[in-house]
Amino acid sequence: MQRNSESAVNARFFWPILIAIVASDVVTKAIAVKALDVPRVPREMIGDWLRFTLVYNPGAAFGLHVGQHSRWVFMALTIGALLILGRLYFSTREGDRARVVSLALVCGGALGNLIDRLRSKDGVVDFLDVGVGNARWPTFNVADMAVSIGAFLLAIVLWAEDRPSEEGGGAPVGIVSSELRHESGEAT
């Protein structure tokens, strides 16, 4: 029964964030495709620093491409990653907001780009073009931002969980002393 309450507490953060990421990604990509009807023609938004440039990316991040079967390879990898992330989500203790938020961001971004791969053989729609002159970051989208921010946050969270606490004699940072007392049978 406690697992259901844990799921409910974490779900209150996870699902709204995931849905918001997927919805904003799908909507912004649809707007980009409609408004930027000609691929690879930049439109300046904030000078040269931020441009909207429609690009179809058949590969992965930063144009990583593995040949003619890239679409299928990256779909399979995404589904595998989502299964692993799902397992991490279900193993997350109640109220671990940082871990839940990071997982929601990564999963939402992964789903957003997976939707593109399922819908079109052309690849993922990218349109955010940041840089100065010819020094530009690879074109990206809302899903890419969510995956990047979520992965960075998740790395910090997982690192903190594995790091021994200074006071706890080796207990993970994420476990509070009341949880330890409860497990040992002491009163909380």
Protein backbone atom coordinates (compact mmCIF):
# COMPACT_ATOMS: atom_id res chain seq x y z
CA MET A 1 0.00 0.00 0.00
CA GLN A 2 2.87 2.36 0.72
CA ARG A 3 4.14 1.89 -2.86
CA ASN A 4 0.84 3.34 -4.17
CA SER A 5 1.20 6.46 -2.01
CA GLU A 6 4.81 6.82 -3.15
CA SER A 7 3.69 6.52 -6.74
CA ALA A 8 0.97 9.13 -6.20
CA VAL A 9 3.35 11.64 -4.62
CA ASN A 10 5.95 11.24 -7.37
CA ALA A 11 3.31 11.10 -10.11
CA ARG A 12 2.06 14.57 -9.13
CA PHE A 13 5.36 15.96 -10.35
CA PHE A 14 6.35 13.47 -13.04
CA TRP A 15 3.27 13.36 -15.29
CA PRO A 16 2.49 17.10 -15.54
CA ILE A 17 6.12 17.85 -16.42
CA LEU A 18 6.33 15.02 -18.95
CA ILE A 19 3.05 16.05 -20.60
CA ALA A 20 4.08 19.73 -20.67
CA ILE A 21 7.39 18.88 -22.34
CA VAL A 22 5.83 16.59 -24.96
CA ALA A 23 2.99 19.06 -25.70
CA SER A 24 5.29 22.09 -25.98
CA ASP A 25 7.70 20.12 -28.16
CA VAL A 26 4.98 18.87 -30.52
CA VAL A 27 3.33 22.32 -30.75
CA THR A 28 6.56 24.27 -31.31
CA LYS A 29 7.70 21.80 -33.98
CA ALA A 30 4.34 22.08 -35.78
CA ILE A 31 4.61 25.88 -35.70
CA ALA A 32 8.20 25.72 -36.97
CA VAL A 33 7.28 23.43 -39.87
CA LYS A 34 4.39 25.69 -40.87
CA ALA A 35 6.14 29.05 -40.40
CA LEU A 36 9.58 28.00 -41.65
CA ASP A 37 8.41 26.20 -44.75
CA VAL A 38 11.83 26.25 -46.44
CA PRO A 39 14.46 24.13 -44.66
CA ARG A 40 17.89 25.55 -43.82
CA VAL A 41 16.90 29.19 -44.40
CA PRO A 42 17.60 31.09 -41.15
CA ARG A 43 15.24 33.76 -39.79
CA GLU A 44 16.82 36.11 -37.29
CA MET A 45 14.84 36.45 -34.07
CA ILE A 46 17.31 38.16 -31.71
CA GLY A 47 19.90 39.46 -34.14
CA ASP A 48 22.29 36.78 -35.31
CA TRP A 49 22.40 35.26 -31.82
CA LEU A 50 19.04 33.44 -32.02
CA ARG A 51 17.67 32.31 -35.36
CA PHE A 52 14.88 29.95 -36.32
CA THR A 53 16.15 27.53 -38.97
CA LEU A 54 14.13 24.48 -40.00
CA VAL A 55 16.27 21.35 -40.11
CA TYR A 56 15.24 17.70 -40.34
CA ASN A 57 17.69 15.58 -38.40
CA PRO A 58 17.55 11.87 -39.35
CA GLY A 59 20.29 11.07 -36.84
CA ALA A 60 20.72 11.80 -33.15
CA ALA A 61 22.11 14.71 -31.16
CA PHE A 62 24.54 16.91 -33.03
CA GLY A 63 23.77 15.16 -36.31
CA LEU A 64 25.15 11.77 -35.24
CA HIS A 65 24.16 9.45 -38.07
CA VAL A 66 24.57 5.67 -38.45
CA GLY A 67 23.61 5.24 -42.07
CA GLN A 68 20.35 4.52 -43.84
CA HIS A 69 18.85 2.75 -40.81
CA SER A 70 19.45 5.63 -38.37
CA ARG A 71 15.72 6.17 -37.86
CA TRP A 72 15.15 2.59 -36.70
CA VAL A 73 18.35 2.39 -34.66
CA PHE A 74 17.56 5.58 -32.76
CA MET A 75 13.92 4.57 -32.25
CA ALA A 76 15.08 1.30 -30.67
CA LEU A 77 17.68 3.08 -28.53
CA THR A 78 15.07 5.60 -27.39
CA ILE A 79 12.62 2.86 -26.41
CA GLY A 80 15.39 1.06 -24.52
CA ALA A 81 16.37 4.27 -22.74
CA LEU A 82 12.72 4.94 -21.81
CA LEU A 83 12.47 1.45 -20.28
CA ILE A 84 15.58 2.09 -18.18
CA LEU A 85 14.30 5.53 -17.17
CA GLY A 86 10.94 3.99 -16.26
CA ARG A 87 12.69 1.56 -13.99
CA LEU A 88 14.58 4.44 -12.35
CA TYR A 89 11.27 6.28 -11.88
CA PHE A 90 9.59 3.31 -10.20
CA SER A 91 12.58 2.85 -7.88
CA THR A 92 12.53 6.51 -6.82
CA ARG A 93 11.65 7.03 -3.19
CA GLU A 94 8.66 9.13 -2.22
CA GLY A 95 9.17 12.87 -2.50
CA ASP A 96 12.56 12.80 -4.27
CA ARG A 97 11.55 15.78 -6.38
CA ALA A 98 14.90 16.40 -8.02
CA ARG A 99 15.09 12.83 -9.31
CA VAL A 100 11.43 12.83 -10.39
CA VAL A 101 11.76 16.16 -12.22
CA SER A 102 14.98 15.10 -13.94
CA LEU A 103 13.40 11.82 -15.09
CA ALA A 104 10.28 13.64 -16.33
CA LEU A 105 12.41 16.05 -18.36
CA VAL A 106 14.48 13.29 -19.98
CA CYS A 107 11.45 11.08 -20.65
CA GLY A 108 9.39 13.98 -22.04
CA GLY A 109 12.20 15.02 -24.37
CA ALA A 110 12.84 11.46 -25.49
CA LEU A 111 9.14 10.97 -26.22
CA GLY A 112 8.96 14.24 -28.15
CA ASN A 113 11.76 13.21 -30.47
CA LEU A 114 10.43 9.64 -30.71
CA ILE A 115 7.11 11.03 -31.94
CA ASP A 116 8.98 12.80 -34.75
CA ARG A 117 10.82 9.62 -35.73
CA LEU A 118 7.54 7.69 -35.80
CA ARG A 119 5.75 10.37 -37.84
CA SER A 120 8.33 11.05 -40.51
CA LYS A 121 11.23 9.35 -42.23
CA ASP A 122 12.77 12.83 -42.65
CA GLY A 123 13.82 12.82 -39.01
CA VAL A 124 13.43 15.00 -35.97
CA VAL A 125 12.39 18.62 -36.51
CA ASP A 126 15.01 21.04 -35.15
CA PHE A 127 14.60 24.79 -35.41
CA LEU A 128 16.44 26.65 -32.61
CA ASP A 129 19.68 28.01 -34.02
CA VAL A 130 21.99 29.74 -31.52
CA GLY A 131 25.39 31.29 -32.14
CA VAL A 132 27.28 34.21 -33.61
CA GLY A 133 28.16 34.33 -37.29
CA ASN A 134 29.48 30.96 -38.36
CA ALA A 135 30.17 29.87 -34.76
CA ARG A 136 26.85 28.10 -34.14
CA TRP A 137 25.58 25.40 -31.82
CA PRO A 138 23.92 22.50 -33.67
CA THR A 139 20.24 23.29 -34.31
CA PHE A 140 17.97 21.85 -31.61
CA ASN A 141 14.40 21.80 -30.27
CA VAL A 142 12.41 21.84 -27.00
CA ALA A 143 12.82 18.07 -26.54
CA ASP A 144 16.60 18.38 -26.86
CA MET A 145 16.64 21.09 -24.17
CA ALA A 146 14.56 18.92 -21.84
CA VAL A 147 16.80 15.88 -22.37
CA SER A 148 19.97 17.92 -21.81
CA ILE A 149 18.76 19.70 -18.67
CA GLY A 150 17.16 16.53 -17.30
CA ALA A 151 20.25 14.40 -17.96
CA PHE A 152 22.50 16.96 -16.28
CA LEU A 153 20.19 17.13 -13.26
CA LEU A 154 19.84 13.33 -13.14
CA ALA A 155 23.63 12.94 -13.18
CA ILE A 156 23.91 15.28 -10.19
CA VAL A 157 21.11 13.44 -8.35
CA LEU A 158 22.59 10.00 -8.98
CA TRP A 159 26.08 11.20 -8.06
CA ALA A 160 24.74 12.63 -4.78
CA GLU A 161 22.95 9.35 -4.00
CA ASP A 162 26.15 7.35 -4.44
CA ARG A 163 28.35 9.78 -2.53
CA PRO A 164 28.95 8.85 1.12
CA SER A 165 27.61 11.39 3.58
CA GLU A 166 30.06 13.11 5.88
CA GLU A 167 28.07 12.33 9.04
CA GLY A 168 26.32 9.06 8.18
CA GLY A 169 29.38 6.86 8.00
CA GLY A 170 28.91 5.93 4.37
CA ALA A 171 25.11 6.15 4.05
CA PRO A 172 23.98 7.67 0.77
CA VAL A 173 23.21 11.39 0.92
CA GLY A 174 19.64 10.79 -0.26
CA ILE A 175 18.66 8.68 2.76
CA VAL A 176 17.58 10.73 5.75
CA SER A 177 18.27 9.61 9.28
CA SER A 178 14.57 9.01 10.09
CA GLU A 179 14.41 6.44 7.29
CA LEU A 180 17.43 4.69 8.76
CA ARG A 181 15.85 4.64 12.24
CA HIS A 182 12.63 3.25 10.78
CA GLU A 183 14.47 0.42 9.01
CA SER A 184 16.36 -0.51 12.18
CA GLY A 185 13.15 -0.64 14.22
CA GLU A 186 13.86 2.45 16.35
CA ALA A 187 11.02 4.89 16.98
CA THR A 188 10.87 7.84 14.58
